[in-house]
Amino acid sequence: MNPLRERRRVALQVLYQLDNGGLPDDARTLLESIRDSVDTADLGEDTIQEGIALARDAWHRREDADAAIEPLSPEWPMRRQPVIDRNLLRLAWFEMTVAGTPPKVVISESVDLAREFSTDQSPSFINGVLDQLFNNQKTSSTSDQ
């Protein structure tokens, strides 16, 4: 399977654990806990480490992500969203705005992960919110020029 997709899958599972307060603070215990709670079978060590790093970076920027996403889904504030959806949006926001991953790739991967891990309505919800985010970014980058 695609190592970038696997990295995102690990990152999403770690974010889920972080959002539920289920991971310890110290690095060694954190890694052991992740290995116990995240499906890392058949993954290379680099993929696991990159997924953890991606999750950590996205988690540290979650307040910025939430502030950007909340206005795009007023009928579903972040606190009311399923944990998976909330963290998929945070991860996607981070990748699109901070990491510089092409938005169309991020949107496609996020929708696929929503299909795999979340509710039947989640893929269309994730797609709609991220499409708005992408269009807002295009509009703001055009007006900056």
N, C-alpha and C. Protein backbone atom coordinates (compact mmCIF):
# COMPACT_ATOMS: atom_id res chain seq x y z
N MET A 1 0.84 -1.19 0.00
CA MET A 1 0.00 0.00 0.00
C MET A 1 0.88 1.25 0.00
N ASN A 2 0.31 2.36 -0.33
CA ASN A 2 0.98 3.64 -0.43
C ASN A 2 1.51 4.09 0.95
N PRO A 3 2.84 4.33 1.07
CA PRO A 3 3.40 4.72 2.37
C PRO A 3 2.85 6.06 2.88
N LEU A 4 2.50 6.97 1.97
CA LEU A 4 1.93 8.25 2.42
C LEU A 4 0.54 8.04 3.00
N ARG A 5 -0.23 7.17 2.39
CA ARG A 5 -1.56 6.86 2.94
C ARG A 5 -1.42 6.17 4.29
N GLU A 6 -0.47 5.26 4.40
CA GLU A 6 -0.24 4.56 5.67
C GLU A 6 0.20 5.55 6.75
N ARG A 7 1.02 6.51 6.37
CA ARG A 7 1.45 7.55 7.32
C ARG A 7 0.24 8.33 7.82
N ARG A 8 -0.66 8.69 6.92
CA ARG A 8 -1.88 9.41 7.32
C ARG A 8 -2.77 8.53 8.20
N ARG A 9 -2.85 7.27 7.87
CA ARG A 9 -3.67 6.35 8.66
C ARG A 9 -3.13 6.28 10.10
N VAL A 10 -1.82 6.14 10.25
CA VAL A 10 -1.20 6.14 11.58
C VAL A 10 -1.47 7.46 12.28
N ALA A 11 -1.28 8.56 11.55
CA ALA A 11 -1.49 9.89 12.15
C ALA A 11 -2.93 10.05 12.63
N LEU A 12 -3.90 9.61 11.84
CA LEU A 12 -5.30 9.72 12.24
C LEU A 12 -5.57 8.91 13.50
N GLN A 13 -5.03 7.71 13.57
CA GLN A 13 -5.25 6.87 14.74
C GLN A 13 -4.59 7.47 15.98
N VAL A 14 -3.43 8.08 15.82
CA VAL A 14 -2.77 8.74 16.94
C VAL A 14 -3.58 9.96 17.37
N LEU A 15 -4.06 10.75 16.42
CA LEU A 15 -4.89 11.91 16.76
C LEU A 15 -6.15 11.49 17.50
N TYR A 16 -6.74 10.40 17.09
CA TYR A 16 -7.91 9.88 17.78
C TYR A 16 -7.58 9.60 19.24
N GLN A 17 -6.46 8.95 19.46
CA GLN A 17 -6.04 8.64 20.83
C GLN A 17 -5.76 9.92 21.63
N LEU A 18 -5.07 10.86 21.00
CA LEU A 18 -4.77 12.12 21.68
C LEU A 18 -6.05 12.87 22.06
N ASP A 19 -7.01 12.90 21.13
CA ASP A 19 -8.26 13.62 21.36
C ASP A 19 -9.08 12.99 22.48
N ASN A 20 -8.88 11.72 22.70
CA ASN A 20 -9.58 11.03 23.78
C ASN A 20 -8.75 10.95 25.06
N GLY A 21 -7.61 11.64 25.08
CA GLY A 21 -6.77 11.65 26.26
C GLY A 21 -6.15 10.31 26.56
N GLY A 22 -5.98 9.50 25.52
CA GLY A 22 -5.53 8.13 25.74
C GLY A 22 -4.06 7.87 25.55
N LEU A 23 -3.24 8.88 25.41
CA LEU A 23 -1.81 8.64 25.22
C LEU A 23 -1.01 9.38 26.28
N PRO A 24 0.05 8.76 26.78
CA PRO A 24 0.89 9.39 27.80
C PRO A 24 1.80 10.46 27.22
N ASP A 25 2.42 11.23 28.09
CA ASP A 25 3.27 12.35 27.66
C ASP A 25 4.70 11.95 27.30
N ASP A 26 5.33 11.07 28.06
CA ASP A 26 6.74 10.80 27.79
C ASP A 26 6.90 9.97 26.52
N ALA A 27 7.95 10.26 25.78
CA ALA A 27 8.13 9.75 24.42
C ALA A 27 8.18 8.22 24.36
N ARG A 28 8.90 7.57 25.24
CA ARG A 28 9.03 6.12 25.17
C ARG A 28 7.68 5.44 25.43
N THR A 29 6.99 5.88 26.49
CA THR A 29 5.69 5.30 26.80
C THR A 29 4.69 5.61 25.70
N LEU A 30 4.79 6.81 25.12
CA LEU A 30 3.91 7.19 24.01
C LEU A 30 4.07 6.23 22.85
N LEU A 31 5.31 5.96 22.46
CA LEU A 31 5.56 5.07 21.33
C LEU A 31 5.04 3.66 21.62
N GLU A 32 5.28 3.16 22.83
CA GLU A 32 4.79 1.83 23.20
C GLU A 32 3.26 1.79 23.16
N SER A 33 2.64 2.85 23.68
CA SER A 33 1.18 2.92 23.70
C SER A 33 0.62 2.96 22.29
N ILE A 34 1.26 3.71 21.42
CA ILE A 34 0.81 3.80 20.03
C ILE A 34 0.92 2.44 19.36
N ARG A 35 2.01 1.77 19.57
CA ARG A 35 2.19 0.45 18.97
C ARG A 35 1.12 -0.53 19.46
N ASP A 36 0.69 -0.36 20.72
CA ASP A 36 -0.34 -1.24 21.28
C ASP A 36 -1.74 -0.90 20.77
N SER A 37 -1.98 0.39 20.50
CA SER A 37 -3.35 0.82 20.19
C SER A 37 -3.60 1.12 18.72
N VAL A 38 -2.56 1.27 17.93
CA VAL A 38 -2.70 1.62 16.52
C VAL A 38 -2.30 0.40 15.70
N ASP A 39 -3.02 0.17 14.63
CA ASP A 39 -2.73 -0.96 13.76
C ASP A 39 -1.47 -0.66 12.95
N THR A 40 -0.32 -1.17 13.43
CA THR A 40 0.95 -0.90 12.77
C THR A 40 1.51 -2.17 12.11
N ALA A 41 0.73 -3.23 12.06
CA ALA A 41 1.19 -4.46 11.43
C ALA A 41 1.56 -4.18 9.98
N ASP A 42 2.65 -4.75 9.55
CA ASP A 42 3.11 -4.64 8.16
C ASP A 42 3.55 -3.24 7.76
N LEU A 43 3.80 -2.37 8.75
CA LEU A 43 4.29 -1.03 8.43
C LEU A 43 5.76 -0.92 8.77
N GLY A 44 6.49 -0.19 7.95
CA GLY A 44 7.89 0.05 8.23
C GLY A 44 8.05 1.05 9.36
N GLU A 45 9.18 0.99 10.01
CA GLU A 45 9.46 1.90 11.13
C GLU A 45 9.40 3.36 10.70
N ASP A 46 9.90 3.67 9.50
CA ASP A 46 9.85 5.06 9.01
C ASP A 46 8.42 5.55 8.88
N THR A 47 7.55 4.70 8.34
CA THR A 47 6.14 5.08 8.17
C THR A 47 5.50 5.37 9.52
N ILE A 48 5.77 4.53 10.50
CA ILE A 48 5.22 4.72 11.84
C ILE A 48 5.72 6.02 12.45
N GLN A 49 7.01 6.24 12.38
CA GLN A 49 7.61 7.45 12.95
C GLN A 49 7.09 8.71 12.25
N GLU A 50 6.96 8.66 10.93
CA GLU A 50 6.45 9.81 10.17
C GLU A 50 4.98 10.07 10.51
N GLY A 51 4.20 9.02 10.69
CA GLY A 51 2.81 9.17 11.08
C GLY A 51 2.67 9.80 12.46
N ILE A 52 3.49 9.36 13.38
CA ILE A 52 3.49 9.93 14.73
C ILE A 52 3.88 11.39 14.69
N ALA A 53 4.91 11.71 13.92
CA ALA A 53 5.36 13.10 13.81
C ALA A 53 4.28 13.98 13.18
N LEU A 54 3.62 13.47 12.15
CA LEU A 54 2.54 14.21 11.50
C LEU A 54 1.41 14.47 12.50
N ALA A 55 1.04 13.46 13.25
CA ALA A 55 -0.02 13.61 14.25
C ALA A 55 0.39 14.64 15.32
N ARG A 56 1.62 14.54 15.78
CA ARG A 56 2.10 15.48 16.81
C ARG A 56 2.04 16.91 16.30
N ASP A 57 2.51 17.13 15.08
CA ASP A 57 2.50 18.48 14.51
C ASP A 57 1.08 19.00 14.32
N ALA A 58 0.20 18.15 13.82
CA ALA A 58 -1.20 18.55 13.63
C ALA A 58 -1.87 18.81 14.97
N TRP A 59 -1.57 18.01 15.97
CA TRP A 59 -2.17 18.17 17.29
C TRP A 59 -1.76 19.51 17.91
N HIS A 60 -0.49 19.88 17.74
CA HIS A 60 -0.02 21.15 18.30
C HIS A 60 -0.67 22.35 17.63
N ARG A 61 -1.15 22.18 16.41
CA ARG A 61 -1.80 23.28 15.68
C ARG A 61 -3.32 23.14 15.65
N ARG A 62 -3.88 22.30 16.50
CA ARG A 62 -5.32 22.01 16.46
C ARG A 62 -6.17 23.24 16.72
N GLU A 63 -5.72 24.16 17.58
CA GLU A 63 -6.52 25.36 17.84
C GLU A 63 -6.63 26.23 16.58
N ASP A 64 -5.53 26.34 15.84
CA ASP A 64 -5.56 27.07 14.57
C ASP A 64 -6.48 26.38 13.57
N ALA A 65 -6.37 25.06 13.52
CA ALA A 65 -7.22 24.27 12.61
C ALA A 65 -8.68 24.45 12.97
N ASP A 66 -8.99 24.32 14.24
CA ASP A 66 -10.38 24.45 14.69
C ASP A 66 -10.94 25.83 14.35
N ALA A 67 -10.12 26.87 14.53
CA ALA A 67 -10.57 28.23 14.22
C ALA A 67 -10.85 28.40 12.73
N ALA A 68 -10.09 27.74 11.89
CA ALA A 68 -10.30 27.83 10.44
C ALA A 68 -11.47 26.98 9.98
N ILE A 69 -11.70 25.86 10.63
CA ILE A 69 -12.72 24.90 10.20
C ILE A 69 -14.10 25.25 10.75
N GLU A 70 -14.15 25.72 11.97
CA GLU A 70 -15.44 25.97 12.65
C GLU A 70 -16.40 26.81 11.81
N PRO A 71 -15.96 27.92 11.20
CA PRO A 71 -16.91 28.72 10.40
C PRO A 71 -17.42 28.00 9.15
N LEU A 72 -16.72 26.96 8.72
CA LEU A 72 -17.11 26.24 7.51
C LEU A 72 -18.19 25.19 7.77
N SER A 73 -18.43 24.92 9.04
CA SER A 73 -19.45 23.93 9.40
C SER A 73 -20.25 24.41 10.61
N PRO A 74 -20.95 25.54 10.46
CA PRO A 74 -21.63 26.12 11.63
C PRO A 74 -22.71 25.21 12.22
N GLU A 75 -23.32 24.37 11.39
CA GLU A 75 -24.35 23.47 11.91
C GLU A 75 -23.73 22.27 12.64
N TRP A 76 -22.42 22.05 12.44
CA TRP A 76 -21.71 20.97 13.12
C TRP A 76 -20.43 21.52 13.74
N PRO A 77 -20.54 22.22 14.87
CA PRO A 77 -19.33 22.73 15.53
C PRO A 77 -18.37 21.59 15.87
N MET A 78 -17.13 21.90 16.02
CA MET A 78 -16.09 20.89 16.24
C MET A 78 -16.45 19.96 17.41
N ARG A 79 -17.00 20.51 18.47
CA ARG A 79 -17.30 19.70 19.66
C ARG A 79 -18.40 18.67 19.40
N ARG A 80 -19.22 18.89 18.36
CA ARG A 80 -20.31 17.97 18.04
C ARG A 80 -19.95 16.96 16.95
N GLN A 81 -18.83 17.15 16.32
CA GLN A 81 -18.43 16.25 15.23
C GLN A 81 -17.92 14.93 15.81
N PRO A 82 -18.11 13.85 15.07
CA PRO A 82 -17.49 12.60 15.51
C PRO A 82 -15.97 12.79 15.63
N VAL A 83 -15.37 12.11 16.57
CA VAL A 83 -13.93 12.28 16.85
C VAL A 83 -13.11 12.05 15.59
N ILE A 84 -13.44 11.04 14.81
CA ILE A 84 -12.68 10.76 13.59
C ILE A 84 -12.80 11.94 12.61
N ASP A 85 -14.00 12.44 12.40
CA ASP A 85 -14.20 13.55 11.46
C ASP A 85 -13.42 14.78 11.90
N ARG A 86 -13.53 15.10 13.17
CA ARG A 86 -12.84 16.28 13.71
C ARG A 86 -11.33 16.17 13.47
N ASN A 87 -10.78 14.99 13.70
CA ASN A 87 -9.35 14.83 13.55
C ASN A 87 -8.91 14.67 12.10
N LEU A 88 -9.77 14.14 11.25
CA LEU A 88 -9.49 14.14 9.81
C LEU A 88 -9.40 15.58 9.30
N LEU A 89 -10.33 16.42 9.75
CA LEU A 89 -10.31 17.83 9.32
C LEU A 89 -9.08 18.55 9.84
N ARG A 90 -8.70 18.29 11.07
CA ARG A 90 -7.49 18.91 11.63
C ARG A 90 -6.25 18.48 10.86
N LEU A 91 -6.16 17.19 10.60
CA LEU A 91 -5.02 16.66 9.86
C LEU A 91 -4.97 17.25 8.45
N ALA A 92 -6.12 17.30 7.79
CA ALA A 92 -6.18 17.85 6.43
C ALA A 92 -5.82 19.33 6.44
N TRP A 93 -6.34 20.08 7.41
CA TRP A 93 -6.01 21.50 7.50
C TRP A 93 -4.51 21.67 7.63
N PHE A 94 -3.91 20.89 8.51
CA PHE A 94 -2.46 20.98 8.73
C PHE A 94 -1.70 20.69 7.44
N GLU A 95 -2.09 19.61 6.77
CA GLU A 95 -1.37 19.24 5.55
C GLU A 95 -1.54 20.29 4.46
N MET A 96 -2.74 20.86 4.34
CA MET A 96 -3.00 21.84 3.28
C MET A 96 -2.36 23.19 3.57
N THR A 97 -2.36 23.62 4.82
CA THR A 97 -1.93 24.98 5.12
C THR A 97 -0.51 25.09 5.65
N VAL A 98 -0.04 24.07 6.35
CA VAL A 98 1.28 24.15 6.97
C VAL A 98 2.30 23.29 6.22
N ALA A 99 1.92 22.04 5.96
CA ALA A 99 2.86 21.09 5.34
C ALA A 99 3.01 21.29 3.84
N GLY A 100 2.07 21.98 3.21
CA GLY A 100 2.18 22.25 1.78
C GLY A 100 1.83 21.08 0.89
N THR A 101 1.09 20.13 1.40
CA THR A 101 0.64 19.00 0.58
C THR A 101 -0.42 19.51 -0.39
N PRO A 102 -0.38 19.07 -1.64
CA PRO A 102 -1.39 19.54 -2.60
C PRO A 102 -2.81 19.28 -2.08
N PRO A 103 -3.65 20.33 -2.06
CA PRO A 103 -4.99 20.21 -1.49
C PRO A 103 -5.85 19.10 -2.10
N LYS A 104 -5.76 18.89 -3.40
CA LYS A 104 -6.59 17.85 -4.01
C LYS A 104 -6.20 16.46 -3.51
N VAL A 105 -4.92 16.25 -3.26
CA VAL A 105 -4.46 14.98 -2.70
C VAL A 105 -5.00 14.83 -1.28
N VAL A 106 -4.90 15.90 -0.49
CA VAL A 106 -5.36 15.87 0.90
C VAL A 106 -6.86 15.58 0.95
N ILE A 107 -7.63 16.25 0.12
CA ILE A 107 -9.08 16.06 0.12
C ILE A 107 -9.42 14.62 -0.25
N SER A 108 -8.82 14.11 -1.29
CA SER A 108 -9.09 12.75 -1.73
C SER A 108 -8.74 11.73 -0.65
N GLU A 109 -7.57 11.87 -0.07
CA GLU A 109 -7.13 10.94 0.98
C GLU A 109 -8.03 11.04 2.21
N SER A 110 -8.44 12.24 2.56
CA SER A 110 -9.29 12.44 3.74
C SER A 110 -10.65 11.79 3.54
N VAL A 111 -11.20 11.93 2.35
CA VAL A 111 -12.49 11.30 2.04
C VAL A 111 -12.35 9.78 2.11
N ASP A 112 -11.26 9.25 1.58
CA ASP A 112 -11.04 7.80 1.64
C ASP A 112 -10.92 7.32 3.08
N LEU A 113 -10.19 8.07 3.92
CA LEU A 113 -10.06 7.68 5.32
C LEU A 113 -11.40 7.79 6.05
N ALA A 114 -12.21 8.77 5.68
CA ALA A 114 -13.54 8.89 6.28
C ALA A 114 -14.39 7.67 5.92
N ARG A 115 -14.27 7.21 4.68
CA ARG A 115 -15.00 6.00 4.27
C ARG A 115 -14.56 4.79 5.10
N GLU A 116 -13.27 4.73 5.37
CA GLU A 116 -12.72 3.58 6.08
C GLU A 116 -13.03 3.61 7.58
N PHE A 117 -12.97 4.79 8.20
CA PHE A 117 -13.01 4.85 9.65
C PHE A 117 -14.25 5.49 10.26
N SER A 118 -15.07 6.18 9.47
CA SER A 118 -16.14 6.96 10.08
C SER A 118 -17.53 6.54 9.59
N THR A 119 -18.48 7.43 9.72
CA THR A 119 -19.88 7.14 9.42
C THR A 119 -20.16 7.20 7.92
N ASP A 120 -21.35 6.78 7.53
CA ASP A 120 -21.74 6.82 6.13
C ASP A 120 -21.84 8.25 5.60
N GLN A 121 -22.18 9.20 6.45
CA GLN A 121 -22.32 10.60 6.04
C GLN A 121 -20.99 11.35 6.05
N SER A 122 -19.99 10.79 6.70
CA SER A 122 -18.72 11.49 6.89
C SER A 122 -17.98 11.83 5.61
N PRO A 123 -17.88 10.93 4.63
CA PRO A 123 -17.14 11.30 3.42
C PRO A 123 -17.66 12.57 2.75
N SER A 124 -18.98 12.70 2.62
CA SER A 124 -19.51 13.91 1.98
C SER A 124 -19.32 15.14 2.87
N PHE A 125 -19.44 14.98 4.18
CA PHE A 125 -19.20 16.09 5.10
C PHE A 125 -17.74 16.56 5.01
N ILE A 126 -16.81 15.62 5.09
CA ILE A 126 -15.38 15.94 5.01
C ILE A 126 -15.08 16.61 3.67
N ASN A 127 -15.61 16.05 2.58
CA ASN A 127 -15.37 16.62 1.26
C ASN A 127 -15.89 18.06 1.18
N GLY A 128 -17.09 18.30 1.69
CA GLY A 128 -17.68 19.64 1.63
C GLY A 128 -16.89 20.66 2.41
N VAL A 129 -16.48 20.31 3.63
CA VAL A 129 -15.72 21.25 4.47
C VAL A 129 -14.35 21.53 3.85
N LEU A 130 -13.66 20.48 3.41
CA LEU A 130 -12.32 20.67 2.84
C LEU A 130 -12.37 21.39 1.50
N ASP A 131 -13.43 21.18 0.73
CA ASP A 131 -13.59 21.91 -0.52
C ASP A 131 -13.74 23.41 -0.24
N GLN A 132 -14.53 23.75 0.78
CA GLN A 132 -14.67 25.16 1.17
C GLN A 132 -13.32 25.73 1.63
N LEU A 133 -12.60 24.96 2.42
CA LEU A 133 -11.29 25.41 2.90
C LEU A 133 -10.35 25.66 1.72
N PHE A 134 -10.33 24.73 0.77
CA PHE A 134 -9.50 24.87 -0.41
C PHE A 134 -9.89 26.11 -1.22
N ASN A 135 -11.19 26.31 -1.43
CA ASN A 135 -11.65 27.48 -2.18
C ASN A 135 -11.32 28.77 -1.45
N ASN A 136 -11.43 28.78 -0.13
CA ASN A 136 -11.05 29.97 0.65
C ASN A 136 -9.56 30.26 0.51
N GLN A 137 -8.75 29.21 0.50
CA GLN A 137 -7.30 29.40 0.34
C GLN A 137 -6.98 29.94 -1.04
N LYS A 138 -7.66 29.41 -2.08
CA LYS A 138 -7.42 29.90 -3.43
C LYS A 138 -7.80 31.38 -3.53
N THR A 139 -8.93 31.74 -2.95
CA THR A 139 -9.41 33.11 -2.99
C THR A 139 -8.45 34.05 -2.26
N SER A 140 -7.98 33.63 -1.08
CA SER A 140 -7.07 34.50 -0.32
C SER A 140 -5.70 34.61 -0.98
N SER A 141 -5.22 33.53 -1.62
CA SER A 141 -3.93 33.62 -2.30
C SER A 141 -4.03 34.47 -3.57
N THR A 142 -5.19 34.45 -4.22
CA THR A 142 -5.40 35.28 -5.41
C THR A 142 -5.47 36.75 -5.02
N SER A 143 -6.13 37.04 -3.90
CA SER A 143 -6.28 38.44 -3.48
C SER A 143 -4.98 38.98 -2.89
N ASP A 144 -4.07 38.10 -2.46
CA ASP A 144 -2.77 38.54 -1.92
C ASP A 144 -1.83 38.99 -3.04
N GLN A 145 -2.11 38.59 -4.25
CA GLN A 145 -1.18 38.89 -5.35
C GLN A 145 -1.43 40.25 -5.95
